[in-house]
Amino acid sequence: MSAPDLVAEVVAFRTWRITNGQLRSPYIPCRWDGPVMHAECYDANRVLTRGEGWLPGPHASPHPDCQCGIYAYHRPGPRTYYGESWWCEGVVAAWGRIEVHADGLRAEHARVEALGVPDLGNPRVPPAIAAIGDRLQVPVLRSEELPAFASDLGGGVPPQLIPER
């Protein structure tokens, strides 16, 4: 069964690592140089897991038989990775091909709409996030403000299209 095409962008949440003043994906070697990201299935991704879960050849991303795509979550909430102390949350708008899963999605395209400053107790993190927000020209909010901001942007994936776990 195929899902219906969505007319509007889908609003979702994600977390980034912060390294050298840049947003980076938490698991793959992918840097968000601007507010818009276009998904590609990188060879480096396949190497990280010895090819398990990744298709061996070039293909459009995201692909239902691969793990590629721009990841985002249906619900907000901090997702830290392996004890990272430099990270931030955010709101993205996703469009194009979208693979919907129970906890989130993988998209062909995504745009950063806002960044959230988590309370990590590190006084250097908020200014780093503010500088990234200025460079990307997106608002920087407290993390607890992200759900209301996302709600004002529009809807996420319609609940009837989200599979059960």
N, C-alpha and C. Protein backbone atom coordinates (compact mmCIF):
# COMPACT_ATOMS: atom_id res chain seq x y z
N MET A 1 0.85 -1.17 0.00
CA MET A 1 0.00 0.00 0.00
C MET A 1 0.89 1.23 0.00
N SER A 2 0.60 2.18 -0.84
CA SER A 2 1.38 3.42 -0.84
C SER A 2 0.60 4.52 -0.14
N ALA A 3 1.33 5.40 0.50
CA ALA A 3 0.72 6.52 1.22
C ALA A 3 0.38 7.62 0.23
N PRO A 4 -0.59 8.43 0.57
CA PRO A 4 -0.93 9.55 -0.32
C PRO A 4 0.17 10.60 -0.30
N ASP A 5 0.27 11.32 -1.39
CA ASP A 5 1.22 12.44 -1.43
C ASP A 5 0.73 13.53 -0.48
N LEU A 6 1.69 14.16 0.19
CA LEU A 6 1.37 15.27 1.06
C LEU A 6 1.61 16.56 0.29
N VAL A 7 0.71 17.51 0.44
CA VAL A 7 0.81 18.76 -0.29
C VAL A 7 1.75 19.74 0.41
N ALA A 8 1.79 19.67 1.72
CA ALA A 8 2.59 20.62 2.50
C ALA A 8 3.85 19.96 3.05
N GLU A 9 4.78 20.80 3.45
CA GLU A 9 5.96 20.30 4.15
C GLU A 9 5.53 19.68 5.47
N VAL A 10 6.35 18.78 5.97
CA VAL A 10 6.09 18.12 7.24
C VAL A 10 7.02 18.72 8.29
N VAL A 11 6.47 19.12 9.41
CA VAL A 11 7.28 19.70 10.49
C VAL A 11 7.69 18.58 11.43
N ALA A 12 8.96 18.57 11.80
CA ALA A 12 9.48 17.52 12.67
C ALA A 12 10.62 18.10 13.53
N PHE A 13 11.17 17.25 14.38
CA PHE A 13 12.22 17.66 15.33
C PHE A 13 13.46 16.81 15.10
N ARG A 14 14.62 17.40 15.37
CA ARG A 14 15.85 16.62 15.30
C ARG A 14 16.89 17.21 16.24
N THR A 15 17.97 16.47 16.41
CA THR A 15 19.08 16.88 17.24
C THR A 15 20.35 16.84 16.39
N TRP A 16 21.24 17.80 16.63
CA TRP A 16 22.53 17.84 15.95
C TRP A 16 23.65 17.87 16.98
N ARG A 17 24.78 17.37 16.60
CA ARG A 17 26.01 17.61 17.34
C ARG A 17 26.54 18.97 16.88
N ILE A 18 27.27 19.64 17.75
CA ILE A 18 27.91 20.90 17.38
C ILE A 18 29.42 20.67 17.43
N THR A 19 30.06 20.87 16.28
CA THR A 19 31.51 20.76 16.24
C THR A 19 32.06 21.91 15.40
N ASN A 20 33.02 22.59 15.96
CA ASN A 20 33.67 23.71 15.26
C ASN A 20 32.67 24.72 14.71
N GLY A 21 31.63 25.03 15.50
CA GLY A 21 30.65 26.02 15.09
C GLY A 21 29.72 25.57 13.98
N GLN A 22 29.61 24.27 13.77
CA GLN A 22 28.78 23.72 12.70
C GLN A 22 27.79 22.70 13.26
N LEU A 23 26.64 22.59 12.61
CA LEU A 23 25.71 21.50 12.92
C LEU A 23 26.17 20.27 12.15
N ARG A 24 26.22 19.15 12.85
CA ARG A 24 26.60 17.89 12.23
C ARG A 24 25.58 16.82 12.61
N SER A 25 25.33 15.92 11.69
CA SER A 25 24.47 14.79 12.00
C SER A 25 25.15 13.96 13.08
N PRO A 26 24.36 13.36 13.98
CA PRO A 26 24.96 12.66 15.11
C PRO A 26 25.73 11.39 14.77
N TYR A 27 25.34 10.69 13.72
CA TYR A 27 25.95 9.39 13.46
C TYR A 27 26.79 9.32 12.19
N ILE A 28 26.50 10.13 11.22
CA ILE A 28 27.21 10.02 9.95
C ILE A 28 28.05 11.28 9.71
N PRO A 29 29.05 11.20 8.87
CA PRO A 29 29.91 12.35 8.62
C PRO A 29 29.24 13.35 7.68
N CYS A 30 28.25 14.04 8.19
CA CYS A 30 27.47 14.95 7.37
C CYS A 30 27.33 16.29 8.09
N ARG A 31 27.78 17.35 7.44
CA ARG A 31 27.72 18.69 8.03
C ARG A 31 26.61 19.48 7.34
N TRP A 32 25.82 20.20 8.13
CA TRP A 32 24.77 21.07 7.60
C TRP A 32 25.42 22.44 7.38
N ASP A 33 25.85 22.71 6.16
CA ASP A 33 26.52 23.98 5.86
C ASP A 33 25.56 25.15 5.76
N GLY A 34 24.32 24.88 5.45
CA GLY A 34 23.30 25.92 5.33
C GLY A 34 22.02 25.43 5.95
N PRO A 35 20.96 26.21 5.83
CA PRO A 35 19.70 25.80 6.46
C PRO A 35 19.00 24.64 5.73
N VAL A 36 19.34 24.41 4.47
CA VAL A 36 18.68 23.36 3.69
C VAL A 36 19.65 22.22 3.44
N MET A 37 19.14 21.00 3.63
CA MET A 37 19.94 19.79 3.40
C MET A 37 19.19 18.92 2.39
N HIS A 38 19.93 18.33 1.47
CA HIS A 38 19.38 17.39 0.50
C HIS A 38 20.03 16.03 0.76
N ALA A 39 19.21 15.02 0.93
CA ALA A 39 19.71 13.70 1.31
C ALA A 39 20.46 13.03 0.17
N GLU A 40 21.52 12.35 0.55
CA GLU A 40 22.27 11.48 -0.35
C GLU A 40 22.67 10.25 0.45
N CYS A 41 22.81 9.14 -0.22
CA CYS A 41 23.30 7.95 0.46
C CYS A 41 24.80 7.90 0.23
N TYR A 42 25.55 8.25 1.26
CA TYR A 42 27.00 8.34 1.17
C TYR A 42 27.66 6.98 1.34
N ASP A 43 28.71 6.76 0.60
CA ASP A 43 29.49 5.52 0.76
C ASP A 43 29.97 5.37 2.19
N ALA A 44 30.32 6.48 2.83
CA ALA A 44 30.82 6.42 4.21
C ALA A 44 29.78 5.81 5.14
N ASN A 45 28.51 6.02 4.87
CA ASN A 45 27.46 5.45 5.71
C ASN A 45 27.51 3.92 5.69
N ARG A 46 27.74 3.36 4.52
CA ARG A 46 27.79 1.91 4.39
C ARG A 46 28.97 1.32 5.16
N VAL A 47 30.07 2.04 5.17
CA VAL A 47 31.27 1.57 5.86
C VAL A 47 31.05 1.53 7.37
N LEU A 48 30.29 2.49 7.90
CA LEU A 48 30.08 2.55 9.34
C LEU A 48 29.47 1.28 9.91
N THR A 49 28.62 0.60 9.13
CA THR A 49 27.95 -0.61 9.62
C THR A 49 28.31 -1.83 8.78
N ARG A 50 29.45 -1.77 8.13
CA ARG A 50 29.90 -2.86 7.25
C ARG A 50 28.85 -3.21 6.20
N GLY A 51 28.11 -2.21 5.78
CA GLY A 51 27.12 -2.40 4.74
C GLY A 51 25.77 -2.89 5.20
N GLU A 52 25.64 -3.30 6.46
CA GLU A 52 24.37 -3.84 6.95
C GLU A 52 23.32 -2.73 7.01
N GLY A 53 22.19 -2.98 6.35
CA GLY A 53 21.10 -2.02 6.34
C GLY A 53 21.19 -0.96 5.27
N TRP A 54 22.26 -0.99 4.49
CA TRP A 54 22.45 0.00 3.42
C TRP A 54 22.47 -0.71 2.08
N LEU A 55 21.90 -0.10 1.07
CA LEU A 55 21.96 -0.65 -0.27
C LEU A 55 23.36 -0.48 -0.83
N PRO A 56 23.85 -1.43 -1.64
CA PRO A 56 25.23 -1.37 -2.11
C PRO A 56 25.50 -0.34 -3.20
N GLY A 57 24.50 0.04 -3.96
CA GLY A 57 24.75 0.94 -5.08
C GLY A 57 24.01 2.25 -4.97
N PRO A 58 24.29 3.19 -5.87
CA PRO A 58 23.63 4.49 -5.86
C PRO A 58 22.12 4.35 -6.03
N HIS A 59 21.38 5.22 -5.36
CA HIS A 59 19.92 5.22 -5.43
C HIS A 59 19.39 6.53 -4.89
N ALA A 60 18.12 6.79 -5.15
CA ALA A 60 17.46 7.98 -4.61
C ALA A 60 17.30 7.81 -3.10
N SER A 61 17.48 8.91 -2.38
CA SER A 61 17.40 8.88 -0.92
C SER A 61 16.24 9.75 -0.46
N PRO A 62 15.48 9.28 0.52
CA PRO A 62 15.57 8.01 1.22
C PRO A 62 14.98 6.87 0.39
N HIS A 63 15.45 5.70 0.68
CA HIS A 63 14.98 4.50 0.00
C HIS A 63 14.41 3.55 1.05
N PRO A 64 13.28 2.90 0.77
CA PRO A 64 12.67 2.03 1.79
C PRO A 64 13.54 0.85 2.23
N ASP A 65 14.50 0.44 1.38
CA ASP A 65 15.36 -0.69 1.73
C ASP A 65 16.73 -0.27 2.24
N CYS A 66 16.87 1.01 2.56
CA CYS A 66 18.15 1.54 3.02
C CYS A 66 17.91 2.38 4.28
N GLN A 67 18.99 2.77 4.95
CA GLN A 67 18.87 3.61 6.15
C GLN A 67 19.14 5.07 5.85
N CYS A 68 19.29 5.43 4.58
CA CYS A 68 19.66 6.79 4.22
C CYS A 68 18.48 7.75 4.35
N GLY A 69 18.79 9.02 4.28
CA GLY A 69 17.79 10.07 4.36
C GLY A 69 18.07 10.99 5.53
N ILE A 70 17.36 12.07 5.59
CA ILE A 70 17.50 13.04 6.67
C ILE A 70 16.54 12.64 7.77
N TYR A 71 17.08 12.30 8.93
CA TYR A 71 16.28 11.81 10.04
C TYR A 71 15.67 12.96 10.83
N ALA A 72 14.44 12.76 11.26
CA ALA A 72 13.77 13.70 12.17
C ALA A 72 12.73 12.90 12.96
N TYR A 73 12.24 13.49 14.04
CA TYR A 73 11.32 12.80 14.94
C TYR A 73 9.97 13.49 14.97
N HIS A 74 8.92 12.70 15.23
CA HIS A 74 7.57 13.26 15.31
C HIS A 74 7.39 14.13 16.54
N ARG A 75 8.09 13.79 17.62
CA ARG A 75 7.92 14.51 18.88
C ARG A 75 9.24 15.14 19.31
N PRO A 76 9.14 16.28 20.00
CA PRO A 76 10.36 16.92 20.48
C PRO A 76 10.93 16.16 21.67
N GLY A 77 12.11 16.51 22.01
CA GLY A 77 12.74 15.93 23.19
C GLY A 77 14.21 15.76 22.95
N PRO A 78 14.98 15.96 23.97
CA PRO A 78 16.42 15.86 23.80
C PRO A 78 16.85 14.44 23.46
N ARG A 79 17.72 14.35 22.51
CA ARG A 79 18.31 13.07 22.14
C ARG A 79 19.81 13.29 22.13
N THR A 80 20.46 12.89 23.19
CA THR A 80 21.91 13.04 23.24
C THR A 80 22.53 11.76 22.71
N TYR A 81 23.74 11.88 22.24
CA TYR A 81 24.40 10.77 21.59
C TYR A 81 25.73 10.49 22.25
N TYR A 82 25.85 9.31 22.85
CA TYR A 82 27.11 8.85 23.40
C TYR A 82 27.77 9.88 24.32
N GLY A 83 26.98 10.52 25.17
CA GLY A 83 27.53 11.44 26.14
C GLY A 83 27.98 12.77 25.57
N GLU A 84 27.53 13.10 24.36
CA GLU A 84 27.90 14.38 23.77
C GLU A 84 27.51 15.52 24.69
N SER A 85 28.39 16.49 24.84
CA SER A 85 28.05 17.66 25.64
C SER A 85 27.84 18.89 24.77
N TRP A 86 28.08 18.75 23.49
CA TRP A 86 27.88 19.84 22.55
C TRP A 86 26.82 19.42 21.53
N TRP A 87 25.57 19.79 21.78
CA TRP A 87 24.50 19.43 20.88
C TRP A 87 23.36 20.43 21.03
N CYS A 88 22.46 20.40 20.08
CA CYS A 88 21.25 21.23 20.18
C CYS A 88 20.11 20.52 19.49
N GLU A 89 18.91 20.97 19.84
CA GLU A 89 17.69 20.47 19.22
C GLU A 89 17.25 21.46 18.17
N GLY A 90 16.25 21.07 17.40
CA GLY A 90 15.72 22.01 16.43
C GLY A 90 14.44 21.52 15.79
N VAL A 91 13.85 22.43 15.03
CA VAL A 91 12.65 22.15 14.25
C VAL A 91 13.06 22.20 12.79
N VAL A 92 12.62 21.21 12.02
CA VAL A 92 12.87 21.19 10.58
C VAL A 92 11.55 21.06 9.83
N ALA A 93 11.55 21.55 8.61
CA ALA A 93 10.47 21.30 7.66
C ALA A 93 11.03 20.32 6.64
N ALA A 94 10.34 19.22 6.40
CA ALA A 94 10.81 18.18 5.49
C ALA A 94 9.85 18.06 4.30
N TRP A 95 10.41 17.69 3.14
CA TRP A 95 9.59 17.52 1.95
C TRP A 95 10.28 16.57 0.98
N GLY A 96 9.60 16.30 -0.12
CA GLY A 96 10.11 15.34 -1.10
C GLY A 96 9.71 13.93 -0.70
N ARG A 97 10.51 12.95 -1.07
CA ARG A 97 10.24 11.58 -0.64
C ARG A 97 10.41 11.50 0.87
N ILE A 98 9.45 10.89 1.54
CA ILE A 98 9.53 10.75 3.00
C ILE A 98 9.18 9.32 3.37
N GLU A 99 10.06 8.70 4.14
CA GLU A 99 9.83 7.37 4.71
C GLU A 99 9.37 7.59 6.14
N VAL A 100 8.14 7.19 6.45
CA VAL A 100 7.58 7.42 7.78
C VAL A 100 7.74 6.15 8.62
N HIS A 101 8.20 6.35 9.85
CA HIS A 101 8.37 5.26 10.82
C HIS A 101 7.62 5.62 12.09
N ALA A 102 7.53 4.69 13.03
CA ALA A 102 6.76 4.91 14.25
C ALA A 102 7.25 6.10 15.07
N ASP A 103 8.57 6.27 15.16
CA ASP A 103 9.08 7.36 15.99
C ASP A 103 9.51 8.60 15.20
N GLY A 104 9.63 8.47 13.89
CA GLY A 104 10.07 9.62 13.12
C GLY A 104 10.02 9.36 11.63
N LEU A 105 10.89 10.03 10.91
CA LEU A 105 10.87 9.95 9.46
C LEU A 105 12.27 10.11 8.91
N ARG A 106 12.40 9.75 7.63
CA ARG A 106 13.60 10.03 6.85
C ARG A 106 13.13 10.76 5.61
N ALA A 107 13.73 11.91 5.34
CA ALA A 107 13.24 12.76 4.25
C ALA A 107 14.29 12.97 3.17
N GLU A 108 13.81 13.36 2.00
CA GLU A 108 14.69 13.70 0.89
C GLU A 108 15.30 15.10 1.09
N HIS A 109 14.52 16.03 1.60
CA HIS A 109 14.97 17.41 1.81
C HIS A 109 14.49 17.88 3.18
N ALA A 110 15.27 18.74 3.81
CA ALA A 110 14.84 19.35 5.08
C ALA A 110 15.48 20.72 5.22
N ARG A 111 14.77 21.59 5.93
CA ARG A 111 15.25 22.94 6.18
C ARG A 111 15.17 23.21 7.68
N VAL A 112 16.21 23.75 8.24
CA VAL A 112 16.20 24.14 9.65
C VAL A 112 15.28 25.34 9.78
N GLU A 113 14.32 25.24 10.68
CA GLU A 113 13.38 26.35 10.93
C GLU A 113 13.70 27.08 12.22
N ALA A 114 14.24 26.38 13.20
CA ALA A 114 14.61 26.98 14.49
C ALA A 114 15.58 26.06 15.20
N LEU A 115 16.40 26.64 16.06
CA LEU A 115 17.30 25.87 16.91
C LEU A 115 16.90 26.10 18.36
N GLY A 116 17.07 25.08 19.17
CA GLY A 116 16.74 25.18 20.59
C GLY A 116 17.99 25.01 21.43
N VAL A 117 18.09 25.82 22.47
CA VAL A 117 19.24 25.77 23.36
C VAL A 117 18.89 24.88 24.55
N PRO A 118 19.53 23.72 24.68
CA PRO A 118 19.28 22.86 25.83
C PRO A 118 20.03 23.39 27.05
N ASP A 119 19.55 23.02 28.21
CA ASP A 119 20.22 23.42 29.45
C ASP A 119 21.25 22.35 29.79
N LEU A 120 22.47 22.53 29.30
CA LEU A 120 23.53 21.55 29.49
C LEU A 120 24.49 21.94 30.60
N GLY A 121 24.32 23.14 31.12
CA GLY A 121 25.23 23.60 32.16
C GLY A 121 26.59 24.03 31.62
N ASN A 122 26.75 24.09 30.33
CA ASN A 122 28.00 24.53 29.71
C ASN A 122 27.77 25.94 29.17
N PRO A 123 28.37 26.96 29.76
CA PRO A 123 28.10 28.33 29.33
C PRO A 123 28.57 28.65 27.91
N ARG A 124 29.38 27.79 27.31
CA ARG A 124 29.85 28.05 25.94
C ARG A 124 28.87 27.55 24.87
N VAL A 125 27.95 26.65 25.24
CA VAL A 125 27.04 26.09 24.25
C VAL A 125 26.01 27.11 23.75
N PRO A 126 25.30 27.86 24.62
CA PRO A 126 24.31 28.82 24.10
C PRO A 126 24.88 29.84 23.10
N PRO A 127 26.06 30.45 23.36
CA PRO A 127 26.58 31.37 22.35
C PRO A 127 26.95 30.67 21.03
N ALA A 128 27.40 29.43 21.11
CA ALA A 128 27.73 28.68 19.89
C ALA A 128 26.46 28.44 19.08
N ILE A 129 25.37 28.08 19.75
CA ILE A 129 24.10 27.86 19.04
C ILE A 129 23.59 29.17 18.47
N ALA A 130 23.71 30.26 19.23
CA ALA A 130 23.27 31.57 18.74
C ALA A 130 24.04 31.96 17.48
N ALA A 131 25.35 31.70 17.45
CA ALA A 131 26.15 32.03 16.27
C ALA A 131 25.71 31.20 15.06
N ILE A 132 25.41 29.93 15.29
CA ILE A 132 24.93 29.08 14.19
C ILE A 132 23.58 29.59 13.71
N GLY A 133 22.69 29.94 14.64
CA GLY A 133 21.38 30.49 14.26
C GLY A 133 21.52 31.75 13.43
N ASP A 134 22.43 32.64 13.83
CA ASP A 134 22.67 33.87 13.05
C ASP A 134 23.15 33.54 11.64
N ARG A 135 24.09 32.60 11.55
CA ARG A 135 24.63 32.24 10.24
C ARG A 135 23.56 31.62 9.35
N LEU A 136 22.71 30.77 9.95
CA LEU A 136 21.65 30.11 9.17
C LEU A 136 20.42 30.98 9.00
N GLN A 137 20.38 32.10 9.73
CA GLN A 137 19.24 33.03 9.72
C GLN A 137 17.95 32.35 10.17
N VAL A 138 18.06 31.62 11.32
CA VAL A 138 16.89 30.98 11.93
C VAL A 138 16.82 31.41 13.39
N PRO A 139 15.62 31.43 13.96
CA PRO A 139 15.50 31.81 15.36
C PRO A 139 16.14 30.78 16.29
N VAL A 140 16.66 31.27 17.39
CA VAL A 140 17.22 30.42 18.44
C VAL A 140 16.34 30.61 19.67
N LEU A 141 15.77 29.51 20.15
CA LEU A 141 14.81 29.53 21.24
C LEU A 141 15.30 28.65 22.38
N ARG A 142 14.63 28.75 23.51
CA ARG A 142 14.85 27.75 24.55
C ARG A 142 14.23 26.44 24.04
N SER A 143 14.81 25.32 24.40
CA SER A 143 14.32 24.03 23.90
C SER A 143 12.83 23.82 24.19
N GLU A 144 12.39 24.28 25.35
CA GLU A 144 10.97 24.07 25.70
C GLU A 144 10.01 24.90 24.84
N GLU A 145 10.53 25.86 24.08
CA GLU A 145 9.70 26.67 23.18
C GLU A 145 9.52 26.02 21.80
N LEU A 146 10.30 24.99 21.49
CA LEU A 146 10.26 24.39 20.16
C LEU A 146 8.91 23.80 19.79
N PRO A 147 8.21 23.07 20.70
CA PRO A 147 6.92 22.51 20.29
C PRO A 147 5.90 23.57 19.84
N ALA A 148 5.81 24.69 20.56
CA ALA A 148 4.87 25.74 20.16
C ALA A 148 5.28 26.36 18.83
N PHE A 149 6.58 26.56 18.65
CA PHE A 149 7.08 27.10 17.39
C PHE A 149 6.71 26.16 16.24
N ALA A 150 6.94 24.87 16.43
CA ALA A 150 6.62 23.88 15.40
C ALA A 150 5.13 23.85 15.10
N SER A 151 4.32 23.95 16.13
CA SER A 151 2.87 23.95 15.95
C SER A 151 2.42 25.14 15.10
N ASP A 152 3.05 26.29 15.31
CA ASP A 152 2.70 27.48 14.52
C ASP A 152 3.09 27.33 13.05
N LEU A 153 4.08 26.48 12.77
CA LEU A 153 4.51 26.27 11.38
C LEU A 153 3.55 25.38 10.60
N GLY A 154 2.83 24.54 11.29
CA GLY A 154 1.93 23.61 10.61
C GLY A 154 2.06 22.22 11.19
N GLY A 155 1.60 21.27 10.46
CA GLY A 155 1.51 19.93 11.00
C GLY A 155 2.68 19.03 10.67
N GLY A 156 2.78 18.01 11.48
CA GLY A 156 3.72 16.94 11.22
C GLY A 156 3.07 15.93 10.31
N VAL A 157 3.57 14.73 10.34
CA VAL A 157 2.98 13.64 9.57
C VAL A 157 1.59 13.37 10.15
N PRO A 158 0.55 13.30 9.33
CA PRO A 158 -0.78 13.00 9.84
C PRO A 158 -0.78 11.68 10.63
N PRO A 159 -1.42 11.66 11.81
CA PRO A 159 -1.37 10.47 12.67
C PRO A 159 -1.77 9.17 11.98
N GLN A 160 -2.69 9.23 11.04
CA GLN A 160 -3.14 8.01 10.36
C GLN A 160 -2.06 7.44 9.43
N LEU A 161 -1.01 8.21 9.15
CA LEU A 161 0.08 7.72 8.31
C LEU A 161 1.28 7.23 9.10
N ILE A 162 1.21 7.34 10.43
CA ILE A 162 2.32 6.90 11.28
C ILE A 162 2.07 5.43 11.66
N PRO A 163 2.97 4.54 11.29
CA PRO A 163 2.77 3.12 11.65
C PRO A 163 2.95 2.90 13.14
N GLU A 164 2.31 1.86 13.64
CA GLU A 164 2.48 1.50 15.05
C GLU A 164 3.85 0.85 15.21
N ARG A 165 4.34 0.87 16.43
CA ARG A 165 5.66 0.27 16.70
C ARG A 165 5.62 -1.22 16.47
